[in-house]
Amino acid sequence: MTWRDVLFAHWSVPPETLAERLPPALSVDTHEGEAYLGVVPFEMADVGPPHSPVGVTFPELNLRTYVTDGDARGVYFFTLDADDPLGVGVARSLFQLPYRSARMSIARRGREVHLTSRRADGDHPATVDVRYEPTGSPFQPKPGSLAAFLTERYRFYTATDAADPGQPRGTVFYGDIDHDPWTLYRADATFEDNELPAACGFEDPTGDPHLLYGRRARVSAGRIRRL
C-alpha cells in the first residue's frame, strides 16, 4: 500500500488517561514524560497483495497512541475509519483492527488537503473536517526527537474488543510494517470538526496540536500475531 498526504496531529495527554484504556499487556510509551493522542488522516492508495497490478484507494482516519509491550514499541489504535466497506470488513476479521465504515472525501487544492469524514454509527457517531498543508523545508526526524517518536513506528497493536470503547480489553495482537524512514514537513492544520476523540470516550483535546506532514510512504505489512 501507499500512504499519501499524511497529517500527524498530536495532543499531549496525561499518561494515566491513556493507561486506563489499554489492555494489561501494554504500557503507555512517553517522550520526555509526555504521552500523546493522535488524529491521523491520510489517503490509503494501491492496497493489495504484493506485486498485484491493481489495488484499491480510499481515505482513512485513525485515533492512536503509542505503547510498549516491554520489548518493542508501536502504535495502539483506538479506532480507524475508512471509506471502503469491503476493506473494513476484511481488516476487522483478518487483522482484528477496530475499523469502522465512514463516508469520507479527500480533495487537494495546490498544497492544501481537505479531508472530511462522517461516521454514521448509532452508538459512536463522529465527524472530522480538517484542512492541512505542509510548510517549510523537508527534513528527516533525528533519532530521539519528538518527530521520530510520533512517526517512526513499525509495529501496531490491537485488542480483540478494541472497537468497543469503554469495554475491558481482551487478547492483544500485533503486526509489523515496513517502509523507508519518513521525510517530513512541519504543517498547518485547521480542524472545523474533530469528534473522533469524544467518540472513543476521551475529552476534547485542548491546546495547540503538534503538527507534521508526510507526503508519501510505500508500506508493506506482515500477518498479525498473538502477543
Protein backbone atom coordinates (compact mmCIF):
# COMPACT_ATOMS: atom_id res chain seq x y z
CA MET A 1 0.00 0.00 0.00
CA THR A 2 0.97 3.66 -0.26
CA TRP A 3 0.16 6.26 2.39
CA ARG A 4 -0.30 9.69 0.83
CA ASP A 5 -0.78 13.18 2.29
CA VAL A 6 -0.49 12.09 5.92
CA LEU A 7 -1.23 14.58 8.70
CA PHE A 8 0.14 13.66 12.12
CA ALA A 9 -1.84 15.81 14.59
CA HIS A 10 -1.00 15.10 18.24
CA TRP A 11 -2.08 16.47 21.59
CA SER A 12 -0.28 15.92 24.88
CA VAL A 13 -2.46 13.83 27.21
CA PRO A 14 -1.80 12.66 30.82
CA PRO A 15 -0.29 9.16 30.62
CA GLU A 16 -2.81 7.84 33.16
CA THR A 17 -5.70 8.89 30.91
CA LEU A 18 -4.39 6.61 28.20
CA ALA A 19 -3.18 3.83 30.51
CA GLU A 20 -6.69 3.10 31.77
CA ARG A 21 -7.80 2.45 28.20
CA LEU A 22 -5.07 -0.04 27.33
CA PRO A 23 -5.02 -3.83 27.75
CA PRO A 24 -2.85 -5.03 30.66
CA ALA A 25 -0.15 -6.36 28.33
CA LEU A 26 0.67 -2.85 27.06
CA SER A 27 2.03 0.28 28.72
CA VAL A 28 1.91 3.89 27.60
CA ASP A 29 5.05 4.97 25.76
CA THR A 30 6.15 8.53 26.57
CA HIS A 31 8.59 11.10 25.25
CA GLU A 32 10.26 13.14 27.99
CA GLY A 33 7.39 12.16 30.29
CA GLU A 34 4.64 13.23 27.87
CA ALA A 35 2.06 10.90 26.32
CA TYR A 36 0.24 11.71 23.09
CA LEU A 37 -3.14 11.13 21.47
CA GLY A 38 -3.05 11.43 17.69
CA VAL A 39 -5.59 12.04 14.95
CA VAL A 40 -4.07 10.93 11.65
CA PRO A 41 -5.93 11.48 8.34
CA PHE A 42 -4.47 10.38 5.02
CA GLU A 43 -5.17 8.56 1.77
CA MET A 44 -4.57 4.81 1.57
CA ALA A 45 -3.65 4.02 -2.03
CA ASP A 46 -2.99 0.91 -4.11
CA VAL A 47 -3.87 -1.51 -1.32
CA GLY A 48 -3.46 -5.11 -2.40
CA PRO A 49 -1.34 -8.26 -2.31
CA PRO A 50 2.38 -7.91 -3.16
CA HIS A 51 3.08 -7.44 -6.87
CA SER A 52 -0.62 -7.11 -7.67
CA PRO A 53 -1.25 -4.93 -10.75
CA VAL A 54 -4.42 -3.48 -9.19
CA GLY A 55 -5.32 -2.12 -5.77
CA VAL A 56 -7.95 -0.06 -4.01
CA THR A 57 -7.63 3.56 -2.88
CA PHE A 58 -9.67 5.31 -0.18
CA PRO A 59 -9.39 7.98 2.55
CA GLU A 60 -8.61 6.81 6.08
CA LEU A 61 -8.51 8.34 9.53
CA ASN A 62 -7.32 6.93 12.84
CA LEU A 63 -7.14 7.78 16.53
CA ARG A 64 -3.99 6.39 18.12
CA THR A 65 -1.47 6.47 20.92
CA TYR A 66 1.97 4.97 21.49
CA VAL A 67 2.73 1.92 23.59
CA THR A 68 5.33 -0.64 24.58
CA ASP A 69 4.97 -4.33 25.37
CA GLY A 70 8.21 -4.31 27.37
CA ASP A 71 10.31 -5.50 24.44
CA ALA A 72 9.05 -3.49 21.46
CA ARG A 73 7.31 -0.16 20.82
CA GLY A 74 4.48 0.64 18.48
CA VAL A 75 1.12 2.23 17.75
CA TYR A 76 -2.12 1.32 19.51
CA PHE A 77 -5.29 2.12 17.55
CA PHE A 78 -8.45 3.14 19.37
CA THR A 79 -10.33 3.35 16.08
CA LEU A 80 -9.74 3.51 12.33
CA ASP A 81 -12.34 4.99 9.97
CA ALA A 82 -12.26 4.24 6.25
CA ASP A 83 -14.44 4.79 3.21
CA ASP A 84 -14.22 1.20 1.97
CA PRO A 85 -16.90 -1.10 3.43
CA LEU A 86 -15.37 -4.28 1.99
CA GLY A 87 -11.91 -3.41 3.24
CA VAL A 88 -13.29 -2.52 6.66
CA GLY A 89 -14.84 -5.97 6.98
CA VAL A 90 -11.66 -7.72 5.88
CA ALA A 91 -9.46 -5.68 8.22
CA ARG A 92 -11.75 -6.36 11.19
CA SER A 93 -11.90 -10.11 10.56
CA LEU A 94 -8.32 -10.84 9.46
CA PHE A 95 -6.34 -8.27 11.42
CA GLN A 96 -8.58 -7.64 14.47
CA LEU A 97 -8.26 -3.92 13.74
CA PRO A 98 -11.04 -1.65 15.07
CA TYR A 99 -12.11 -0.32 11.67
CA ARG A 100 -15.44 1.44 11.15
CA SER A 101 -17.11 2.49 7.92
CA ALA A 102 -17.47 6.20 7.27
CA ARG A 103 -18.43 8.44 4.37
CA MET A 104 -15.22 10.26 3.55
CA SER A 105 -13.77 12.57 0.93
CA ILE A 106 -10.32 13.95 0.24
CA ALA A 107 -9.62 16.88 -2.07
CA ARG A 108 -6.48 18.79 -2.97
CA ARG A 109 -6.02 22.41 -3.97
CA GLY A 110 -2.40 23.29 -4.51
CA ARG A 111 -0.57 22.17 -1.35
CA GLU A 112 -3.75 22.12 0.75
CA VAL A 113 -5.51 18.84 1.54
CA HIS A 114 -9.15 18.83 2.71
CA LEU A 115 -10.43 15.63 4.32
CA THR A 116 -13.92 15.10 5.68
CA SER A 117 -15.25 12.03 7.47
CA ARG A 118 -18.76 11.30 8.74
CA ARG A 119 -19.27 8.05 10.59
CA ALA A 120 -22.97 7.19 10.76
CA ASP A 121 -22.60 4.90 13.76
CA GLY A 122 -25.61 4.86 16.07
CA ASP A 123 -23.51 4.32 19.20
CA HIS A 124 -20.39 6.29 18.35
CA PRO A 125 -21.01 8.83 15.54
CA ALA A 126 -18.08 11.04 14.61
CA THR A 127 -17.41 13.86 12.17
CA VAL A 128 -13.96 15.14 11.26
CA ASP A 129 -13.37 18.06 8.91
CA VAL A 130 -9.77 19.19 8.53
CA ARG A 131 -7.72 21.25 6.11
CA TYR A 132 -3.94 20.91 6.21
CA GLU A 133 -0.80 21.57 4.23
CA PRO A 134 2.97 21.21 4.54
CA THR A 135 5.14 24.20 5.41
CA GLY A 136 8.84 24.90 5.26
CA SER A 137 11.52 22.54 4.04
CA PRO A 138 11.50 18.74 4.20
CA PHE A 139 13.52 17.02 6.92
CA GLN A 140 14.16 13.58 8.33
CA PRO A 141 13.49 13.32 12.06
CA LYS A 142 16.54 12.86 14.26
CA PRO A 143 16.63 9.75 16.44
CA GLY A 144 15.28 10.55 19.90
CA SER A 145 13.33 13.60 18.70
CA LEU A 146 9.61 14.07 19.25
CA ALA A 147 9.04 13.92 15.48
CA ALA A 148 10.70 10.49 15.36
CA PHE A 149 8.76 9.32 18.42
CA LEU A 150 5.44 10.20 16.76
CA THR A 151 6.13 8.88 13.26
CA GLU A 152 8.85 6.22 13.18
CA ARG A 153 6.72 3.29 14.31
CA TYR A 154 6.94 -0.11 12.68
CA ARG A 155 4.57 -2.19 14.80
CA PHE A 156 0.87 -1.83 15.57
CA TYR A 157 -1.15 -3.37 18.38
CA THR A 158 -4.84 -4.09 18.72
CA ALA A 159 -7.11 -5.94 21.14
CA THR A 160 -9.95 -8.30 20.28
CA ASP A 161 -12.60 -5.86 21.51
CA ALA A 162 -10.78 -2.63 20.72
CA ALA A 163 -13.70 -1.49 18.56
CA ASP A 164 -15.92 -1.20 21.65
CA PRO A 165 -14.91 1.94 23.61
CA GLY A 166 -15.11 1.57 27.37
CA GLN A 167 -15.12 -2.22 27.37
CA PRO A 168 -12.41 -4.34 29.03
CA ARG A 169 -9.62 -5.21 26.63
CA GLY A 170 -9.07 -8.79 25.60
CA THR A 171 -6.37 -10.68 23.75
CA VAL A 172 -3.67 -8.46 22.24
CA PHE A 173 -2.37 -8.93 18.70
CA TYR A 174 0.42 -7.17 16.85
CA GLY A 175 1.55 -6.72 13.29
CA ASP A 176 4.77 -5.38 11.80
CA ILE A 177 5.06 -2.95 8.91
CA ASP A 178 7.98 -1.81 6.80
CA HIS A 179 8.70 1.41 4.93
CA ASP A 180 11.58 3.81 4.35
CA PRO A 181 12.13 6.43 7.08
CA TRP A 182 9.75 9.36 6.81
CA THR A 183 10.65 12.59 5.07
CA LEU A 184 8.53 15.11 6.98
CA TYR A 185 7.40 18.71 6.86
CA ARG A 186 6.03 20.97 9.54
CA ALA A 187 2.33 21.55 8.88
CA ASP A 188 -0.53 23.98 9.27
CA ALA A 189 -3.96 22.49 10.00
CA THR A 190 -7.44 23.73 10.80
CA PHE A 191 -9.98 21.35 12.33
CA GLU A 192 -13.53 22.56 11.64
CA ASP A 193 -14.82 19.40 13.38
CA ASN A 194 -12.91 16.81 15.38
CA GLU A 195 -15.32 14.42 17.09
CA LEU A 196 -13.14 11.32 16.90
CA PRO A 197 -11.64 11.56 20.43
CA ALA A 198 -15.07 12.08 22.02
CA ALA A 199 -16.48 9.14 20.05
CA CYS A 200 -13.82 6.97 21.71
CA GLY A 201 -14.56 8.26 25.21
CA PHE A 202 -11.87 10.95 25.51
CA GLU A 203 -12.36 14.59 26.41
CA ASP A 204 -11.89 17.03 23.54
CA PRO A 205 -8.17 17.80 23.11
CA THR A 206 -7.05 21.19 24.39
CA GLY A 207 -4.17 23.37 23.37
CA ASP A 208 -2.40 23.59 20.05
CA PRO A 209 -1.57 20.22 18.46
CA HIS A 210 1.89 19.20 17.33
CA LEU A 211 1.59 19.01 13.52
CA LEU A 212 3.66 17.09 10.99
CA TYR A 213 3.05 16.15 7.37
CA GLY A 214 4.33 13.21 5.32
CA ARG A 215 3.83 13.31 1.57
CA ARG A 216 4.20 9.64 0.73
CA ALA A 217 5.36 6.26 2.06
CA ARG A 218 5.26 2.90 0.33
CA VAL A 219 4.33 0.36 3.02
CA SER A 220 4.22 -3.40 3.37
CA ALA A 221 2.51 -5.21 6.26
CA GLY A 222 3.03 -8.72 7.61
CA ARG A 223 0.48 -11.06 9.12
CA ILE A 224 -0.94 -10.44 12.57
CA ARG A 225 0.32 -12.44 15.57
CA ARG A 226 -0.89 -13.02 19.08
CA LEU A 227 1.22 -11.16 21.65
